[in-house]
Amino acid sequence: MKPRNLANIATKQLPLRLKAARKSLGITQDELVEIAEFSPVALSKIERGINRPSFENLVALSYALKVSPNYLTSWDEEKSSAINAKKRLLLNRLMIATESLSEEWLLQLISIAEKANQQKQKI
């Protein structure tokens, strides 16, 4: 895949990965703004995909979220393809969709995923 295509995928991934990383730490946008010394409006626009962060802001957000800039930009992924990009988007959506589920529901989802992987390995 060409670098510009990879950059477009990373641009689409950033808002989802940023929100997923924030949610996985269990912090609100307001808390992230305080930790990263960031503008609330700027953070909201980045999470909604309206704006892109500067390099300095990307690094500050990464430190605040305890993830690498590589994670936020999907740079650390294996060579990307359209299929992998779609799968990552779906996984990010799943992560966001499950944030308010009870522990019982999360355990059920994990069980389903583990069973699906076992079935896949048998094939």
C-alpha atoms as a PDB file:
ATOM      1  CA  MET A   1       0.000   0.000   0.000  1.00  0.00           C
ATOM      2  CA  LYS A   2       1.235   3.482  -0.813  1.00  0.00           C
ATOM      3  CA  PRO A   3       2.335   5.850   1.972  1.00  0.00           C
ATOM      4  CA  ARG A   4      -0.498   8.307   1.289  1.00  0.00           C
ATOM      5  CA  ASN A   5      -3.068   5.506   1.603  1.00  0.00           C
ATOM      6  CA  LEU A   6      -1.496   4.412   4.885  1.00  0.00           C
ATOM      7  CA  ALA A   7      -1.595   8.021   6.084  1.00  0.00           C
ATOM      8  CA  ASN A   8      -5.308   8.212   5.249  1.00  0.00           C
ATOM      9  CA  ILE A   9      -5.962   5.043   7.235  1.00  0.00           C
ATOM     10  CA  ALA A  10      -3.984   6.418  10.200  1.00  0.00           C
ATOM     11  CA  THR A  11      -5.941   9.675  10.000  1.00  0.00           C
ATOM     12  CA  LYS A  12      -9.200   7.732  10.251  1.00  0.00           C
ATOM     13  CA  GLN A  13      -7.836   5.550  13.055  1.00  0.00           C
ATOM     14  CA  LEU A  14      -6.551   8.391  15.254  1.00  0.00           C
ATOM     15  CA  PRO A  15      -9.915   9.585  16.657  1.00  0.00           C
ATOM     16  CA  LEU A  16     -11.007   6.026  17.426  1.00  0.00           C
ATOM     17  CA  ARG A  17      -7.687   5.013  18.969  1.00  0.00           C
ATOM     18  CA  LEU A  18      -7.481   8.227  20.983  1.00  0.00           C
ATOM     19  CA  LYS A  19     -10.948   7.706  22.426  1.00  0.00           C
ATOM     20  CA  ALA A  20     -10.314   3.992  23.029  1.00  0.00           C
ATOM     21  CA  ALA A  21      -7.039   4.726  24.865  1.00  0.00           C
ATOM     22  CA  ARG A  22      -8.746   7.374  27.000  1.00  0.00           C
ATOM     23  CA  LYS A  23     -11.646   5.073  27.815  1.00  0.00           C
ATOM     24  CA  SER A  24      -9.305   2.194  28.654  1.00  0.00           C
ATOM     25  CA  LEU A  25      -7.698   4.427  31.294  1.00  0.00           C
ATOM     26  CA  GLY A  26     -11.156   5.273  32.576  1.00  0.00           C
ATOM     27  CA  ILE A  27     -10.692   9.018  32.231  1.00  0.00           C
ATOM     28  CA  THR A  28     -12.967  11.688  30.828  1.00  0.00           C
ATOM     29  CA  GLN A  29     -12.079  14.241  28.184  1.00  0.00           C
ATOM     30  CA  ASP A  30     -11.848  16.851  30.935  1.00  0.00           C
ATOM     31  CA  GLU A  31      -9.370  14.724  32.872  1.00  0.00           C
ATOM     32  CA  LEU A  32      -7.261  14.131  29.762  1.00  0.00           C
ATOM     33  CA  VAL A  33      -7.285  17.849  29.017  1.00  0.00           C
ATOM     34  CA  GLU A  34      -5.904  18.519  32.485  1.00  0.00           C
ATOM     35  CA  ILE A  35      -3.252  15.778  32.347  1.00  0.00           C
ATOM     36  CA  ALA A  36      -2.045  16.676  28.842  1.00  0.00           C
ATOM     37  CA  GLU A  37      -2.409  20.446  29.336  1.00  0.00           C
ATOM     38  CA  PHE A  38      -4.574  20.531  26.260  1.00  0.00           C
ATOM     39  CA  SER A  39      -7.463  22.632  25.003  1.00  0.00           C
ATOM     40  CA  PRO A  40     -10.885  21.029  25.660  1.00  0.00           C
ATOM     41  CA  VAL A  41     -12.189  22.199  22.286  1.00  0.00           C
ATOM     42  CA  ALA A  42      -9.103  20.886  20.469  1.00  0.00           C
ATOM     43  CA  LEU A  43      -9.393  17.472  22.130  1.00  0.00           C
ATOM     44  CA  SER A  44     -13.089  17.212  21.322  1.00  0.00           C
ATOM     45  CA  LYS A  45     -12.442  18.078  17.672  1.00  0.00           C
ATOM     46  CA  ILE A  46      -9.628  15.525  17.414  1.00  0.00           C
ATOM     47  CA  GLU A  47     -11.778  12.773  18.955  1.00  0.00           C
ATOM     48  CA  ARG A  48     -14.534  13.596  16.480  1.00  0.00           C
ATOM     49  CA  GLY A  49     -12.107  13.557  13.547  1.00  0.00           C
ATOM     50  CA  ILE A  50     -12.653  17.224  12.717  1.00  0.00           C
ATOM     51  CA  ASN A  51      -9.069  18.329  13.424  1.00  0.00           C
ATOM     52  CA  ARG A  52      -5.682  16.622  13.509  1.00  0.00           C
ATOM     53  CA  PRO A  53      -3.191  17.204  16.308  1.00  0.00           C
ATOM     54  CA  SER A  54       0.172  18.829  15.764  1.00  0.00           C
ATOM     55  CA  PHE A  55       3.159  16.578  16.356  1.00  0.00           C
ATOM     56  CA  GLU A  56       3.749  18.176  19.775  1.00  0.00           C
ATOM     57  CA  ASN A  57       0.122  17.632  20.786  1.00  0.00           C
ATOM     58  CA  LEU A  58       0.168  14.049  19.508  1.00  0.00           C
ATOM     59  CA  VAL A  59       3.190  13.312  21.697  1.00  0.00           C
ATOM     60  CA  ALA A  60       1.630  15.071  24.718  1.00  0.00           C
ATOM     61  CA  LEU A  61      -1.562  13.045  24.320  1.00  0.00           C
ATOM     62  CA  SER A  62       0.470   9.856  23.969  1.00  0.00           C
ATOM     63  CA  TYR A  63       2.342  10.506  27.206  1.00  0.00           C
ATOM     64  CA  ALA A  64      -0.890  11.405  28.993  1.00  0.00           C
ATOM     65  CA  LEU A  65      -2.586   8.229  27.751  1.00  0.00           C
ATOM     66  CA  LYS A  66       0.464   6.041  28.386  1.00  0.00           C
ATOM     67  CA  VAL A  67       0.534   4.834  24.784  1.00  0.00           C
ATOM     68  CA  SER A  68       3.045   5.427  22.033  1.00  0.00           C
ATOM     69  CA  PRO A  69       2.351   7.818  19.168  1.00  0.00           C
ATOM     70  CA  ASN A  70       2.793   4.676  17.062  1.00  0.00           C
ATOM     71  CA  TYR A  71      -0.327   3.211  18.660  1.00  0.00           C
ATOM     72  CA  LEU A  72      -2.400   6.330  18.028  1.00  0.00           C
ATOM     73  CA  THR A  73      -1.311   6.503  14.381  1.00  0.00           C
ATOM     74  CA  SER A  74      -1.401   2.715  13.775  1.00  0.00           C
ATOM     75  CA  TRP A  75       2.254   2.907  12.763  1.00  0.00           C
ATOM     76  CA  ASP A  76       3.103  -0.192  14.794  1.00  0.00           C
ATOM     77  CA  GLU A  77       0.665  -2.357  12.880  1.00  0.00           C
ATOM     78  CA  GLU A  78       1.837  -4.944  10.397  1.00  0.00           C
ATOM     79  CA  LYS A  79       1.675  -3.827   6.799  1.00  0.00           C
ATOM     80  CA  SER A  80      -1.806  -2.447   6.514  1.00  0.00           C
ATOM     81  CA  SER A  81      -4.371  -3.539   4.021  1.00  0.00           C
ATOM     82  CA  ALA A  82      -7.932  -2.448   3.500  1.00  0.00           C
ATOM     83  CA  ILE A  83      -9.126  -5.597   5.284  1.00  0.00           C
ATOM     84  CA  ASN A  84      -6.880  -5.000   8.309  1.00  0.00           C
ATOM     85  CA  ALA A  85      -7.957  -1.364   8.464  1.00  0.00           C
ATOM     86  CA  LYS A  86     -11.613  -2.391   8.486  1.00  0.00           C
ATOM     87  CA  LYS A  87     -10.929  -4.957  11.201  1.00  0.00           C
ATOM     88  CA  ARG A  88      -9.137  -2.352  13.349  1.00  0.00           C
ATOM     89  CA  LEU A  89     -12.043   0.052  12.921  1.00  0.00           C
ATOM     90  CA  LEU A  90     -14.467  -2.670  13.991  1.00  0.00           C
ATOM     91  CA  LEU A  91     -12.333  -3.548  17.017  1.00  0.00           C
ATOM     92  CA  ASN A  92     -12.185   0.105  18.044  1.00  0.00           C
ATOM     93  CA  ARG A  93     -15.970   0.358  17.670  1.00  0.00           C
ATOM     94  CA  LEU A  94     -16.347  -2.773  19.793  1.00  0.00           C
ATOM     95  CA  MET A  95     -14.097  -1.303  22.477  1.00  0.00           C
ATOM     96  CA  ILE A  96     -16.123   1.895  22.618  1.00  0.00           C
ATOM     97  CA  ALA A  97     -19.464   0.059  22.478  1.00  0.00           C
ATOM     98  CA  THR A  98     -18.552  -2.139  25.443  1.00  0.00           C
ATOM     99  CA  GLU A  99     -17.372   0.607  27.762  1.00  0.00           C
ATOM    100  CA  SER A 100     -20.576   0.686  29.793  1.00  0.00           C
ATOM    101  CA  LEU A 101     -21.234  -3.054  29.897  1.00  0.00           C
ATOM    102  CA  SER A 102     -21.154  -4.913  33.166  1.00  0.00           C
ATOM    103  CA  GLU A 103     -18.325  -7.285  33.988  1.00  0.00           C
ATOM    104  CA  GLU A 104     -20.708 -10.199  33.385  1.00  0.00           C
ATOM    105  CA  TRP A 105     -21.420  -9.073  29.821  1.00  0.00           C
ATOM    106  CA  LEU A 106     -17.728  -8.472  29.141  1.00  0.00           C
ATOM    107  CA  LEU A 107     -16.901 -11.989  30.318  1.00  0.00           C
ATOM    108  CA  GLN A 108     -19.591 -13.368  28.007  1.00  0.00           C
ATOM    109  CA  LEU A 109     -18.125 -11.469  25.053  1.00  0.00           C
ATOM    110  CA  ILE A 110     -14.647 -12.761  25.885  1.00  0.00           C
ATOM    111  CA  SER A 111     -16.014 -16.290  26.056  1.00  0.00           C
ATOM    112  CA  ILE A 112     -17.634 -15.915  22.637  1.00  0.00           C
ATOM    113  CA  ALA A 113     -14.388 -14.608  21.131  1.00  0.00           C
ATOM    114  CA  GLU A 114     -12.379 -17.439  22.678  1.00  0.00           C
ATOM    115  CA  LYS A 115     -14.834 -20.049  21.349  1.00  0.00           C
ATOM    116  CA  ALA A 116     -14.683 -18.484  17.873  1.00  0.00           C
ATOM    117  CA  ASN A 117     -10.872 -18.627  17.941  1.00  0.00           C
ATOM    118  CA  GLN A 118     -10.968 -22.278  19.007  1.00  0.00           C
ATOM    119  CA  GLN A 119     -13.336 -23.093  16.149  1.00  0.00           C
ATOM    120  CA  LYS A 120     -11.112 -21.231  13.707  1.00  0.00           C
ATOM    121  CA  GLN A 121      -8.055 -23.207  14.850  1.00  0.00           C
ATOM    122  CA  LYS A 122      -9.879 -26.512  14.314  1.00  0.00           C
ATOM    123  CA  ILE A 123     -10.656 -25.669  10.707  1.00  0.00           C
END
